[in-house]
Structures are given as structure tokens and as C-alpha cells.
Amino acid sequence: MQIIYLDESGDPGLSNSPTRYYILAGFSVHHADWHSVDQRLREFRKWAEQTYGLNVGQEIHSAEFLGSAKIHCGLRREERLLIVRKLIGLLARSSELSFFGWTLEKTSGDPLECVGSRCLADLVSWLGDAAMGPGNLGMIIHDQMHKRPACWSCDGLAHIIDRPLARASSESVQLQLADLLAYLLKQSKSPNRYLKEQGAHQLIRRLNERSLGWVEL
């Protein structure tokens, strides 16, 4: 079984919205590899704590972690970016993982439903084709959202176990990683000044080899 983690970046609103894009992104890992990948992520957090003093239990929320604050979590911007660069390098070498994301430039309609429907359809297709790796069943876990796409409440979806499950990102290293992927995908489209100045706004491209698709809608 593939375990799929998803998070969003931007907001799905059309009126008075500060964001141009709405994005869902994440990754999958086979259940047999879950513990080894989890251990790798936790060892990375221990390295970040020993090297930079980032508390191992501190939630990393990418919008703040890679934002404009000169100091966040007790770290300077350049230190925070070094940590993220190191993490992306680790992910690029993690052959057990598959990455994916969906980007919609908001103009009309319902961005949440559009992106949510395409996301689910692609996941079902990839699972059916075993594109993620062994097995054609998947369980979806996502960060808590103000509203879920209506299609995510349907029962009996092919290749999907149960309905997508919501969990707080503060309790999941994996969901914090999905948050980072969604944020970096947004930065590739609409970067903040600091990441652009540092040439870091295209970091998501380092995962292209392991990506099933960065889908633009």
C-alpha cells in the first residue's frame, strides 16, 4: 500500500485573495518503506538540531521558515535556507519516494474543487498503473483544511482506502514535508524576493527525477 501525504499552498479564494495560485502537492511512500523513511527524516531533524540548534520538535511551517523574518525559530534566514537545501538533497536521493503537485492560476470557477478533483483522478490513475511503485492501493493523509473538495467525501473510489484523512501537521513530520513541497512549488511560480535573490526559487526542480508530475491546470 502507498501512503500519500498532501498539503496546500495559497488559498482557494477568488475575491480579495493575496495569492495568485492555488496548489496541492505531496509525496507517496510504500508502507514497507515508511519506517526507514521516517527514521531518515528524524535523523535529519537531529542533524539540524545539532548543527543549527533547530529544536527537533519544532514544527517547520514553510511560509514562515522561508519567509522574510530575519530571525525565525532562533535561526537567521541564510541558516534556514541551508537547512531546506540539505533536506531537498536528501529527498532527491530517496528512491522510495514519489513526488507530485497540482498548480492552478486562479481566474474563475472553484479552485478547490478543480485542483482537488484533478489531484484525486491522477492519484487513482497512478495507483492503478503502479506508477508509484509496488501495490495499487493508497491511503491519503492531508493537513487540516478549512474545507475539503467535495469529491474527497465519496466512498468506493478505486484504489483508494477509506476517504482522505485529515491530520494536524504539527503532529506529522511527513505533513510538514508535504507543506514544504507545496510551498516550493508555489515559489517556482511566484517567488518571494529573498528566495529569488538566492537562486532558491526553483529548488523543487531538484526533485524532477522522482516526480510523477508537476501538473499545471
N, C-alpha and C. Protein backbone atom coordinates (compact mmCIF):
# COMPACT_ATOMS: atom_id res chain seq x y z
N MET A 1 0.83 -1.20 0.00
CA MET A 1 0.00 0.00 0.00
C MET A 1 0.87 1.25 0.00
N GLN A 2 0.47 2.24 -0.79
CA GLN A 2 1.15 3.52 -0.81
C GLN A 2 0.47 4.48 0.17
N ILE A 3 1.26 5.14 0.99
CA ILE A 3 0.76 6.16 1.89
C ILE A 3 1.07 7.51 1.25
N ILE A 4 0.04 8.32 1.05
CA ILE A 4 0.14 9.57 0.30
C ILE A 4 -0.11 10.74 1.24
N TYR A 5 0.81 11.69 1.25
CA TYR A 5 0.69 12.89 2.08
C TYR A 5 0.51 14.10 1.18
N LEU A 6 -0.48 14.95 1.52
CA LEU A 6 -0.79 16.13 0.72
C LEU A 6 -0.94 17.36 1.60
N ASP A 7 -0.56 18.50 1.05
CA ASP A 7 -0.84 19.78 1.70
C ASP A 7 -1.05 20.83 0.62
N GLU A 8 -1.66 21.94 1.01
CA GLU A 8 -1.97 23.01 0.07
C GLU A 8 -1.07 24.22 0.32
N SER A 9 -0.95 25.05 -0.69
CA SER A 9 -0.27 26.33 -0.55
C SER A 9 -1.09 27.36 -1.30
N GLY A 10 -1.11 28.57 -0.76
CA GLY A 10 -2.03 29.56 -1.29
C GLY A 10 -3.41 29.29 -0.72
N ASP A 11 -4.38 30.05 -1.16
CA ASP A 11 -5.75 29.82 -0.72
C ASP A 11 -6.65 29.70 -1.94
N PRO A 12 -7.79 29.03 -1.81
CA PRO A 12 -8.65 28.80 -2.97
C PRO A 12 -9.60 29.95 -3.28
N GLY A 13 -9.53 31.04 -2.54
CA GLY A 13 -10.45 32.14 -2.75
C GLY A 13 -10.15 32.92 -4.02
N LEU A 14 -11.18 33.53 -4.59
CA LEU A 14 -11.03 34.37 -5.78
C LEU A 14 -11.12 35.85 -5.46
N SER A 15 -11.90 36.19 -4.45
CA SER A 15 -12.11 37.60 -4.09
C SER A 15 -11.21 38.00 -2.93
N ASN A 16 -10.52 39.12 -3.09
CA ASN A 16 -9.64 39.65 -2.03
C ASN A 16 -8.60 38.64 -1.57
N SER A 17 -8.14 37.82 -2.47
CA SER A 17 -7.14 36.81 -2.13
C SER A 17 -5.73 37.36 -2.35
N PRO A 18 -4.81 37.10 -1.42
CA PRO A 18 -3.44 37.59 -1.59
C PRO A 18 -2.60 36.69 -2.50
N THR A 19 -3.14 35.56 -2.94
CA THR A 19 -2.35 34.61 -3.73
C THR A 19 -2.91 34.45 -5.13
N ARG A 20 -2.02 34.32 -6.07
CA ARG A 20 -2.40 34.17 -7.48
C ARG A 20 -2.68 32.71 -7.83
N TYR A 21 -2.04 31.80 -7.09
CA TYR A 21 -2.13 30.38 -7.40
C TYR A 21 -2.71 29.60 -6.22
N TYR A 22 -3.40 28.50 -6.55
CA TYR A 22 -3.78 27.53 -5.54
C TYR A 22 -3.09 26.22 -5.89
N ILE A 23 -2.48 25.60 -4.89
CA ILE A 23 -1.59 24.46 -5.13
C ILE A 23 -1.85 23.36 -4.12
N LEU A 24 -1.84 22.12 -4.60
CA LEU A 24 -1.76 20.93 -3.76
C LEU A 24 -0.49 20.19 -4.16
N ALA A 25 0.22 19.65 -3.19
CA ALA A 25 1.43 18.89 -3.50
C ALA A 25 1.69 17.90 -2.39
N GLY A 26 2.54 16.95 -2.70
CA GLY A 26 2.89 15.96 -1.67
C GLY A 26 3.76 14.86 -2.22
N PHE A 27 3.70 13.72 -1.55
CA PHE A 27 4.55 12.59 -1.92
C PHE A 27 3.90 11.30 -1.47
N SER A 28 4.42 10.20 -1.98
CA SER A 28 3.95 8.88 -1.57
C SER A 28 5.14 8.03 -1.13
N VAL A 29 4.84 7.10 -0.23
CA VAL A 29 5.84 6.14 0.24
C VAL A 29 5.13 4.81 0.48
N HIS A 30 5.74 3.73 0.05
CA HIS A 30 5.16 2.41 0.27
C HIS A 30 5.21 2.07 1.75
N HIS A 31 4.18 1.36 2.22
CA HIS A 31 4.11 1.09 3.66
C HIS A 31 5.34 0.33 4.16
N ALA A 32 5.93 -0.51 3.30
CA ALA A 32 7.10 -1.28 3.72
C ALA A 32 8.33 -0.40 3.91
N ASP A 33 8.32 0.79 3.28
CA ASP A 33 9.46 1.72 3.40
C ASP A 33 9.19 2.84 4.39
N TRP A 34 7.98 2.88 4.94
CA TRP A 34 7.58 4.02 5.76
C TRP A 34 8.52 4.24 6.94
N HIS A 35 8.83 3.19 7.67
CA HIS A 35 9.64 3.35 8.88
C HIS A 35 11.07 3.79 8.56
N SER A 36 11.65 3.27 7.49
CA SER A 36 13.01 3.67 7.15
C SER A 36 13.05 5.13 6.70
N VAL A 37 12.05 5.57 5.96
CA VAL A 37 11.99 6.97 5.54
C VAL A 37 11.73 7.87 6.74
N ASP A 38 10.83 7.45 7.61
CA ASP A 38 10.55 8.23 8.82
C ASP A 38 11.80 8.39 9.66
N GLN A 39 12.57 7.32 9.79
CA GLN A 39 13.81 7.39 10.57
C GLN A 39 14.81 8.34 9.92
N ARG A 40 14.87 8.33 8.59
CA ARG A 40 15.77 9.23 7.87
C ARG A 40 15.39 10.69 8.12
N LEU A 41 14.09 10.97 8.10
CA LEU A 41 13.64 12.34 8.34
C LEU A 41 13.94 12.77 9.78
N ARG A 42 13.78 11.86 10.71
CA ARG A 42 14.05 12.19 12.11
C ARG A 42 15.55 12.37 12.37
N GLU A 43 16.36 11.60 11.68
CA GLU A 43 17.81 11.78 11.78
C GLU A 43 18.21 13.13 11.20
N PHE A 44 17.52 13.53 10.13
CA PHE A 44 17.78 14.86 9.56
C PHE A 44 17.46 15.95 10.57
N ARG A 45 16.33 15.81 11.27
CA ARG A 45 15.97 16.80 12.27
C ARG A 45 16.99 16.83 13.41
N LYS A 46 17.53 15.68 13.78
CA LYS A 46 18.57 15.66 14.81
C LYS A 46 19.82 16.38 14.31
N TRP A 47 20.15 16.17 13.03
CA TRP A 47 21.30 16.87 12.45
C TRP A 47 21.07 18.39 12.49
N ALA A 48 19.86 18.84 12.12
CA ALA A 48 19.55 20.27 12.13
C ALA A 48 19.63 20.84 13.55
N GLU A 49 19.26 20.05 14.53
CA GLU A 49 19.33 20.50 15.92
C GLU A 49 20.79 20.61 16.37
N GLN A 50 21.58 19.58 16.05
CA GLN A 50 22.98 19.56 16.48
C GLN A 50 23.80 20.62 15.74
N THR A 51 23.46 20.88 14.48
CA THR A 51 24.25 21.80 13.67
C THR A 51 23.83 23.25 13.82
N TYR A 52 22.50 23.48 13.88
CA TYR A 52 21.98 24.85 13.89
C TYR A 52 21.15 25.20 15.12
N GLY A 53 20.88 24.20 15.96
CA GLY A 53 20.09 24.48 17.16
C GLY A 53 18.60 24.50 16.92
N LEU A 54 18.13 23.97 15.76
CA LEU A 54 16.69 23.91 15.49
C LEU A 54 16.09 22.78 16.31
N ASN A 55 15.23 23.13 17.26
CA ASN A 55 14.65 22.13 18.14
C ASN A 55 14.00 21.02 17.34
N VAL A 56 14.30 19.78 17.69
CA VAL A 56 13.84 18.64 16.92
C VAL A 56 12.32 18.53 16.91
N GLY A 57 11.66 19.10 17.90
CA GLY A 57 10.20 19.05 17.95
C GLY A 57 9.52 20.27 17.37
N GLN A 58 10.28 21.23 16.87
CA GLN A 58 9.73 22.46 16.32
C GLN A 58 9.05 22.19 14.98
N GLU A 59 7.79 22.57 14.85
CA GLU A 59 7.12 22.41 13.57
C GLU A 59 7.74 23.36 12.55
N ILE A 60 8.02 22.84 11.38
CA ILE A 60 8.52 23.66 10.29
C ILE A 60 7.35 23.99 9.37
N HIS A 61 6.90 25.23 9.42
CA HIS A 61 5.87 25.71 8.51
C HIS A 61 6.57 26.59 7.49
N SER A 62 6.59 26.14 6.26
CA SER A 62 7.49 26.71 5.26
C SER A 62 7.27 28.18 4.97
N ALA A 63 6.02 28.65 5.00
CA ALA A 63 5.76 30.06 4.70
C ALA A 63 6.49 30.97 5.67
N GLU A 64 6.61 30.55 6.93
CA GLU A 64 7.36 31.33 7.91
C GLU A 64 8.85 30.98 7.88
N PHE A 65 9.14 29.69 7.73
CA PHE A 65 10.53 29.23 7.79
C PHE A 65 11.36 29.82 6.66
N LEU A 66 10.75 29.97 5.48
CA LEU A 66 11.45 30.52 4.32
C LEU A 66 10.97 31.93 3.98
N GLY A 67 10.32 32.56 4.94
CA GLY A 67 9.78 33.90 4.73
C GLY A 67 10.80 34.99 4.99
N SER A 68 10.31 36.19 5.19
CA SER A 68 11.17 37.37 5.25
C SER A 68 11.75 37.66 6.62
N ALA A 69 11.27 36.97 7.66
CA ALA A 69 11.76 37.25 9.01
C ALA A 69 13.27 37.01 9.09
N LYS A 70 13.99 38.00 9.62
CA LYS A 70 15.44 37.83 9.74
C LYS A 70 15.79 36.71 10.72
N ILE A 71 14.98 36.59 11.78
CA ILE A 71 15.17 35.52 12.75
C ILE A 71 13.84 34.79 12.91
N HIS A 72 13.88 33.47 12.78
CA HIS A 72 12.70 32.63 12.99
C HIS A 72 13.17 31.30 13.55
N CYS A 73 12.51 30.82 14.59
CA CYS A 73 12.95 29.60 15.29
C CYS A 73 14.39 29.76 15.80
N GLY A 74 14.78 30.99 16.07
CA GLY A 74 16.13 31.25 16.55
C GLY A 74 17.20 31.20 15.48
N LEU A 75 16.79 31.13 14.20
CA LEU A 75 17.75 30.98 13.10
C LEU A 75 17.67 32.15 12.14
N ARG A 76 18.82 32.51 11.58
CA ARG A 76 18.84 33.53 10.54
C ARG A 76 18.30 32.95 9.23
N ARG A 77 17.91 33.83 8.31
CA ARG A 77 17.34 33.38 7.04
C ARG A 77 18.28 32.45 6.28
N GLU A 78 19.57 32.82 6.25
CA GLU A 78 20.51 32.01 5.48
C GLU A 78 20.69 30.62 6.09
N GLU A 79 20.57 30.52 7.43
CA GLU A 79 20.65 29.21 8.08
C GLU A 79 19.43 28.36 7.75
N ARG A 80 18.27 29.00 7.76
CA ARG A 80 17.04 28.27 7.45
C ARG A 80 17.07 27.75 6.01
N LEU A 81 17.58 28.56 5.10
CA LEU A 81 17.65 28.13 3.71
C LEU A 81 18.65 27.00 3.54
N LEU A 82 19.76 27.04 4.25
CA LEU A 82 20.73 25.94 4.19
C LEU A 82 20.11 24.63 4.66
N ILE A 83 19.29 24.70 5.70
CA ILE A 83 18.62 23.50 6.20
C ILE A 83 17.69 22.92 5.13
N VAL A 84 16.93 23.80 4.47
CA VAL A 84 16.00 23.33 3.44
C VAL A 84 16.75 22.78 2.24
N ARG A 85 17.84 23.43 1.84
CA ARG A 85 18.63 22.90 0.72
C ARG A 85 19.14 21.49 1.04
N LYS A 86 19.60 21.30 2.26
CA LYS A 86 20.08 19.98 2.69
C LYS A 86 18.96 18.95 2.63
N LEU A 87 17.77 19.34 3.08
CA LEU A 87 16.63 18.42 3.07
C LEU A 87 16.23 18.05 1.65
N ILE A 88 16.21 19.02 0.75
CA ILE A 88 15.85 18.72 -0.64
C ILE A 88 16.87 17.76 -1.25
N GLY A 89 18.13 17.94 -0.92
CA GLY A 89 19.13 17.00 -1.40
C GLY A 89 18.89 15.59 -0.90
N LEU A 90 18.50 15.47 0.36
CA LEU A 90 18.17 14.16 0.93
C LEU A 90 16.99 13.53 0.19
N LEU A 91 15.96 14.33 -0.07
CA LEU A 91 14.77 13.81 -0.76
C LEU A 91 15.09 13.38 -2.18
N ALA A 92 15.96 14.14 -2.86
CA ALA A 92 16.33 13.80 -4.23
C ALA A 92 17.03 12.45 -4.30
N ARG A 93 17.65 12.05 -3.21
CA ARG A 93 18.34 10.75 -3.17
C ARG A 93 17.47 9.63 -2.62
N SER A 94 16.24 9.94 -2.26
CA SER A 94 15.36 8.95 -1.62
C SER A 94 14.52 8.25 -2.69
N SER A 95 15.02 7.14 -3.18
CA SER A 95 14.36 6.45 -4.29
C SER A 95 13.02 5.83 -3.90
N GLU A 96 12.72 5.75 -2.60
CA GLU A 96 11.44 5.18 -2.17
C GLU A 96 10.28 6.14 -2.37
N LEU A 97 10.57 7.41 -2.60
CA LEU A 97 9.54 8.43 -2.63
C LEU A 97 9.17 8.84 -4.05
N SER A 98 7.90 9.16 -4.24
CA SER A 98 7.43 9.78 -5.47
C SER A 98 6.78 11.12 -5.11
N PHE A 99 7.04 12.14 -5.91
CA PHE A 99 6.56 13.48 -5.62
C PHE A 99 5.58 13.93 -6.70
N PHE A 100 4.66 14.83 -6.34
CA PHE A 100 3.67 15.30 -7.30
C PHE A 100 3.06 16.59 -6.79
N GLY A 101 2.47 17.36 -7.72
CA GLY A 101 1.82 18.60 -7.33
C GLY A 101 0.93 19.11 -8.44
N TRP A 102 -0.05 19.93 -8.07
CA TRP A 102 -1.03 20.49 -8.99
C TRP A 102 -1.13 21.99 -8.74
N THR A 103 -0.99 22.77 -9.79
CA THR A 103 -0.99 24.23 -9.70
C THR A 103 -2.10 24.81 -10.57
N LEU A 104 -2.88 25.69 -9.99
CA LEU A 104 -3.93 26.38 -10.74
C LEU A 104 -3.77 27.88 -10.56
N GLU A 105 -3.66 28.60 -11.69
CA GLU A 105 -3.71 30.05 -11.63
C GLU A 105 -5.18 30.44 -11.53
N LYS A 106 -5.55 31.12 -10.48
CA LYS A 106 -6.95 31.37 -10.17
C LYS A 106 -7.52 32.49 -11.05
N THR A 107 -8.57 32.16 -11.78
CA THR A 107 -9.25 33.15 -12.60
C THR A 107 -10.75 33.10 -12.38
N SER A 108 -11.32 31.90 -12.41
CA SER A 108 -12.76 31.75 -12.23
C SER A 108 -13.05 30.34 -11.73
N GLY A 109 -14.32 30.06 -11.48
CA GLY A 109 -14.70 28.75 -11.00
C GLY A 109 -14.33 28.55 -9.55
N ASP A 110 -14.21 27.31 -9.16
CA ASP A 110 -13.87 26.95 -7.78
C ASP A 110 -12.51 26.27 -7.77
N PRO A 111 -11.43 26.99 -7.43
CA PRO A 111 -10.09 26.39 -7.45
C PRO A 111 -9.97 25.14 -6.59
N LEU A 112 -10.62 25.14 -5.42
CA LEU A 112 -10.54 23.98 -4.54
C LEU A 112 -11.07 22.73 -5.21
N GLU A 113 -12.24 22.84 -5.83
CA GLU A 113 -12.84 21.67 -6.48
C GLU A 113 -12.06 21.26 -7.72
N CYS A 114 -11.59 22.23 -8.48
CA CYS A 114 -10.83 21.92 -9.70
C CYS A 114 -9.54 21.17 -9.37
N VAL A 115 -8.76 21.72 -8.46
CA VAL A 115 -7.49 21.09 -8.10
C VAL A 115 -7.72 19.78 -7.36
N GLY A 116 -8.69 19.77 -6.43
CA GLY A 116 -8.96 18.56 -5.67
C GLY A 116 -9.40 17.40 -6.54
N SER A 117 -10.24 17.69 -7.54
CA SER A 117 -10.72 16.63 -8.44
C SER A 117 -9.60 16.08 -9.30
N ARG A 118 -8.78 16.98 -9.86
CA ARG A 118 -7.68 16.50 -10.71
C ARG A 118 -6.66 15.73 -9.89
N CYS A 119 -6.36 16.21 -8.69
CA CYS A 119 -5.45 15.51 -7.80
C CYS A 119 -5.91 14.08 -7.55
N LEU A 120 -7.19 13.93 -7.19
CA LEU A 120 -7.71 12.61 -6.89
C LEU A 120 -7.70 11.71 -8.12
N ALA A 121 -8.08 12.26 -9.27
CA ALA A 121 -8.10 11.47 -10.50
C ALA A 121 -6.69 10.99 -10.86
N ASP A 122 -5.70 11.86 -10.74
CA ASP A 122 -4.33 11.46 -11.06
C ASP A 122 -3.82 10.41 -10.08
N LEU A 123 -4.11 10.58 -8.80
CA LEU A 123 -3.66 9.60 -7.81
C LEU A 123 -4.26 8.23 -8.09
N VAL A 124 -5.55 8.19 -8.42
CA VAL A 124 -6.21 6.91 -8.74
C VAL A 124 -5.55 6.29 -9.96
N SER A 125 -5.27 7.10 -10.98
CA SER A 125 -4.64 6.60 -12.20
C SER A 125 -3.24 6.07 -11.92
N TRP A 126 -2.44 6.83 -11.17
CA TRP A 126 -1.07 6.39 -10.87
C TRP A 126 -1.06 5.13 -10.03
N LEU A 127 -1.99 5.03 -9.10
CA LEU A 127 -2.08 3.81 -8.30
C LEU A 127 -2.47 2.62 -9.17
N GLY A 128 -3.43 2.82 -10.06
CA GLY A 128 -3.86 1.74 -10.94
C GLY A 128 -2.76 1.25 -11.85
N ASP A 129 -1.87 2.16 -12.25
CA ASP A 129 -0.76 1.82 -13.14
C ASP A 129 0.49 1.41 -12.37
N ALA A 130 0.41 1.41 -11.04
CA ALA A 130 1.57 1.12 -10.18
C ALA A 130 2.72 2.08 -10.46
N ALA A 131 2.40 3.32 -10.86
CA ALA A 131 3.44 4.31 -11.16
C ALA A 131 4.21 4.74 -9.92
N MET A 132 3.59 4.61 -8.75
CA MET A 132 4.26 5.00 -7.51
C MET A 132 5.19 3.91 -6.98
N GLY A 133 5.05 2.71 -7.54
CA GLY A 133 5.83 1.60 -7.04
C GLY A 133 4.92 0.42 -6.75
N PRO A 134 5.38 -0.54 -5.97
CA PRO A 134 4.62 -1.76 -5.71
C PRO A 134 3.24 -1.47 -5.12
N GLY A 135 2.26 -2.27 -5.55
CA GLY A 135 0.92 -2.15 -5.00
C GLY A 135 0.08 -1.14 -5.73
N ASN A 136 -1.24 -1.36 -5.72
CA ASN A 136 -2.14 -0.41 -6.39
C ASN A 136 -3.22 0.10 -5.45
N LEU A 137 -2.91 0.12 -4.15
CA LEU A 137 -3.80 0.70 -3.16
C LEU A 137 -3.10 1.86 -2.48
N GLY A 138 -3.87 2.89 -2.13
CA GLY A 138 -3.28 4.04 -1.46
C GLY A 138 -4.18 4.60 -0.38
N MET A 139 -3.56 5.15 0.64
CA MET A 139 -4.27 5.88 1.68
C MET A 139 -3.78 7.31 1.67
N ILE A 140 -4.72 8.27 1.64
CA ILE A 140 -4.39 9.69 1.55
C ILE A 140 -4.51 10.34 2.93
N ILE A 141 -3.46 11.03 3.34
CA ILE A 141 -3.45 11.80 4.59
C ILE A 141 -3.11 13.24 4.22
N HIS A 142 -3.93 14.18 4.67
CA HIS A 142 -3.69 15.58 4.31
C HIS A 142 -3.76 16.46 5.55
N ASP A 143 -3.12 17.61 5.42
CA ASP A 143 -3.18 18.59 6.50
C ASP A 143 -4.60 19.11 6.62
N GLN A 144 -4.95 19.58 7.80
CA GLN A 144 -6.29 20.10 8.02
C GLN A 144 -6.56 21.30 7.13
N MET A 145 -7.71 21.31 6.50
CA MET A 145 -8.10 22.36 5.56
C MET A 145 -9.37 23.02 6.06
N HIS A 146 -9.58 24.29 5.65
CA HIS A 146 -10.81 24.96 6.06
C HIS A 146 -12.03 24.30 5.40
N LYS A 147 -11.80 23.68 4.23
CA LYS A 147 -12.86 22.97 3.51
C LYS A 147 -12.20 21.96 2.59
N ARG A 148 -12.79 20.77 2.49
CA ARG A 148 -12.24 19.76 1.60
C ARG A 148 -13.00 19.74 0.28
N PRO A 149 -12.33 19.34 -0.81
CA PRO A 149 -13.05 19.17 -2.08
C PRO A 149 -14.18 18.15 -1.90
N ALA A 150 -15.31 18.40 -2.53
CA ALA A 150 -16.47 17.53 -2.37
C ALA A 150 -16.18 16.10 -2.78
N CYS A 151 -15.37 15.93 -3.84
CA CYS A 151 -15.10 14.57 -4.33
C CYS A 151 -14.29 13.74 -3.34
N TRP A 152 -13.63 14.39 -2.39
CA TRP A 152 -12.87 13.65 -1.39
C TRP A 152 -13.78 12.98 -0.37
N SER A 153 -15.05 13.29 -0.40
CA SER A 153 -16.00 12.68 0.53
C SER A 153 -16.72 11.48 -0.07
N CYS A 154 -16.37 11.12 -1.31
CA CYS A 154 -17.02 9.99 -1.98
C CYS A 154 -16.48 8.67 -1.45
N ASP A 155 -17.36 7.70 -1.34
CA ASP A 155 -16.95 6.35 -0.94
C ASP A 155 -16.70 5.50 -2.18
N GLY A 156 -15.97 4.41 -1.98
CA GLY A 156 -15.82 3.42 -3.03
C GLY A 156 -14.92 3.82 -4.18
N LEU A 157 -13.97 4.71 -3.95
CA LEU A 157 -13.05 5.10 -5.02
C LEU A 157 -12.08 3.96 -5.32
N ALA A 158 -11.87 3.71 -6.59
CA ALA A 158 -10.93 2.66 -6.98
C ALA A 158 -9.54 2.98 -6.46
N HIS A 159 -8.90 1.98 -5.88
CA HIS A 159 -7.51 2.04 -5.42
C HIS A 159 -7.29 2.90 -4.18
N ILE A 160 -8.32 3.58 -3.68
CA ILE A 160 -8.18 4.44 -2.50
C ILE A 160 -8.82 3.76 -1.30
N ILE A 161 -8.07 3.62 -0.23
CA ILE A 161 -8.58 3.04 1.01
C ILE A 161 -9.22 4.14 1.85
N ASP A 162 -10.50 3.95 2.19
CA ASP A 162 -11.23 4.91 3.00
C ASP A 162 -11.28 6.27 2.28
N ARG A 163 -11.73 7.29 2.96
CA ARG A 163 -11.69 8.64 2.44
C ARG A 163 -10.38 9.29 2.88
N PRO A 164 -9.95 10.36 2.20
CA PRO A 164 -8.75 11.08 2.67
C PRO A 164 -8.91 11.50 4.13
N LEU A 165 -7.85 11.32 4.88
CA LEU A 165 -7.87 11.55 6.32
C LEU A 165 -7.13 12.84 6.66
N ALA A 166 -7.72 13.67 7.50
CA ALA A 166 -7.10 14.92 7.92
C ALA A 166 -6.33 14.73 9.21
N ARG A 167 -5.17 15.39 9.29
CA ARG A 167 -4.34 15.32 10.49
C ARG A 167 -3.61 16.64 10.65
N ALA A 168 -3.33 17.03 11.87
CA ALA A 168 -2.61 18.28 12.11
C ALA A 168 -1.14 18.11 11.72
N SER A 169 -0.63 19.08 10.97
CA SER A 169 0.76 18.99 10.53
C SER A 169 1.74 19.07 11.70
N SER A 170 1.32 19.70 12.79
CA SER A 170 2.20 19.78 13.96
C SER A 170 2.52 18.40 14.54
N GLU A 171 1.70 17.42 14.21
CA GLU A 171 1.88 16.07 14.73
C GLU A 171 2.52 15.13 13.72
N SER A 172 2.91 15.65 12.56
CA SER A 172 3.40 14.78 11.50
C SER A 172 4.57 15.40 10.75
N VAL A 173 5.73 14.78 10.86
CA VAL A 173 6.90 15.21 10.10
C VAL A 173 6.62 15.09 8.60
N GLN A 174 5.86 14.07 8.23
CA GLN A 174 5.56 13.84 6.82
C GLN A 174 4.68 14.96 6.24
N LEU A 175 3.68 15.41 7.01
CA LEU A 175 2.85 16.51 6.52
C LEU A 175 3.62 17.82 6.45
N GLN A 176 4.58 18.02 7.32
CA GLN A 176 5.42 19.20 7.24
C GLN A 176 6.26 19.15 5.96
N LEU A 177 6.64 17.95 5.56
CA LEU A 177 7.36 17.79 4.30
C LEU A 177 6.45 18.11 3.12
N ALA A 178 5.20 17.64 3.15
CA ALA A 178 4.24 17.96 2.09
C ALA A 178 4.02 19.47 2.01
N ASP A 179 3.97 20.12 3.17
CA ASP A 179 3.84 21.58 3.20
C ASP A 179 5.02 22.24 2.50
N LEU A 180 6.22 21.74 2.73
CA LEU A 180 7.40 22.30 2.07
C LEU A 180 7.32 22.13 0.56
N LEU A 181 6.89 20.95 0.10
CA LEU A 181 6.78 20.72 -1.34
C LEU A 181 5.77 21.68 -1.97
N ALA A 182 4.62 21.86 -1.32
CA ALA A 182 3.61 22.77 -1.86
C ALA A 182 4.14 24.20 -1.89
N TYR A 183 4.85 24.59 -0.85
CA TYR A 183 5.37 25.95 -0.79
C TYR A 183 6.44 26.17 -1.87
N LEU A 184 7.33 25.21 -2.04
CA LEU A 184 8.37 25.36 -3.06
C LEU A 184 7.79 25.35 -4.47
N LEU A 185 6.72 24.59 -4.66
CA LEU A 185 6.07 24.60 -5.97
C LEU A 185 5.47 25.98 -6.23
N LYS A 186 4.88 26.59 -5.20
CA LYS A 186 4.35 27.95 -5.36
C LYS A 186 5.48 28.94 -5.63
N GLN A 187 6.61 28.78 -4.96
CA GLN A 187 7.73 29.68 -5.17
C GLN A 187 8.29 29.59 -6.59
N SER A 188 8.16 28.42 -7.21
CA SER A 188 8.62 28.29 -8.59
C SER A 188 7.77 29.10 -9.55
N LYS A 189 6.55 29.44 -9.13
CA LYS A 189 5.64 30.24 -9.96
C LYS A 189 5.62 31.71 -9.53
N SER A 190 5.65 31.94 -8.24
CA SER A 190 5.53 33.30 -7.72
C SER A 190 6.47 33.45 -6.52
N PRO A 191 7.78 33.62 -6.77
CA PRO A 191 8.75 33.59 -5.69
C PRO A 191 8.77 34.86 -4.85
N ASN A 192 9.12 34.67 -3.58
CA ASN A 192 9.38 35.86 -2.76
C ASN A 192 10.77 36.40 -3.11
N ARG A 193 11.03 37.62 -2.73
CA ARG A 193 12.25 38.30 -3.16
C ARG A 193 13.50 37.60 -2.66
N TYR A 194 13.48 37.15 -1.40
CA TYR A 194 14.68 36.55 -0.83
C TYR A 194 15.07 35.27 -1.57
N LEU A 195 14.11 34.37 -1.78
CA LEU A 195 14.44 33.12 -2.45
C LEU A 195 14.90 33.37 -3.88
N LYS A 196 14.30 34.36 -4.54
CA LYS A 196 14.73 34.67 -5.90
C LYS A 196 16.15 35.21 -5.91
N GLU A 197 16.46 36.08 -4.97
CA GLU A 197 17.81 36.63 -4.88
C GLU A 197 18.85 35.54 -4.63
N GLN A 198 18.46 34.52 -3.85
CA GLN A 198 19.37 33.43 -3.52
C GLN A 198 19.38 32.31 -4.56
N GLY A 199 18.59 32.46 -5.61
CA GLY A 199 18.51 31.42 -6.63
C GLY A 199 17.88 30.15 -6.11
N ALA A 200 17.02 30.29 -5.11
CA ALA A 200 16.43 29.11 -4.46
C ALA A 200 14.97 28.91 -4.84
N HIS A 201 14.43 29.76 -5.71
CA HIS A 201 13.01 29.68 -6.03
C HIS A 201 12.68 28.50 -6.95
N GLN A 202 13.70 27.83 -7.48
CA GLN A 202 13.47 26.66 -8.32
C GLN A 202 13.98 25.38 -7.65
N LEU A 203 14.05 25.38 -6.35
CA LEU A 203 14.52 24.19 -5.63
C LEU A 203 13.69 22.96 -5.94
N ILE A 204 12.40 23.14 -6.21
CA ILE A 204 11.52 21.99 -6.47
C ILE A 204 12.01 21.19 -7.67
N ARG A 205 12.74 21.84 -8.59
CA ARG A 205 13.23 21.14 -9.78
C ARG A 205 14.22 20.03 -9.45
N ARG A 206 14.85 20.12 -8.28
CA ARG A 206 15.80 19.07 -7.90
C ARG A 206 15.09 17.73 -7.68
N LEU A 207 13.77 17.77 -7.58
CA LEU A 207 13.00 16.54 -7.37
C LEU A 207 12.35 16.04 -8.65
N ASN A 208 12.66 16.67 -9.79
CA ASN A 208 12.01 16.30 -11.05
C ASN A 208 12.18 14.82 -11.39
N GLU A 209 13.34 14.27 -11.13
CA GLU A 209 13.60 12.88 -11.50
C GLU A 209 12.69 11.92 -10.75
N ARG A 210 12.26 12.31 -9.55
CA ARG A 210 11.41 11.45 -8.74
C ARG A 210 9.95 11.89 -8.77
N SER A 211 9.64 12.83 -9.66
CA SER A 211 8.29 13.37 -9.73
C SER A 211 7.44 12.62 -10.74
N LEU A 212 6.19 12.36 -10.38
CA LEU A 212 5.21 11.83 -11.32
C LEU A 212 4.56 12.93 -12.13
N GLY A 213 4.78 14.16 -11.73
CA GLY A 213 4.26 15.30 -12.49
C GLY A 213 4.01 16.52 -11.62
N TRP A 214 4.43 17.68 -12.14
CA TRP A 214 4.03 18.97 -11.58
C TRP A 214 2.98 19.49 -12.54
N VAL A 215 1.73 19.23 -12.24
CA VAL A 215 0.64 19.43 -13.19
C VAL A 215 0.12 20.87 -13.11
N GLU A 216 0.06 21.54 -14.25
CA GLU A 216 -0.50 22.88 -14.31
C GLU A 216 -1.89 22.79 -14.93
N LEU A 217 -2.86 23.34 -14.23
CA LEU A 217 -4.26 23.26 -14.65
C LEU A 217 -4.72 24.56 -15.30
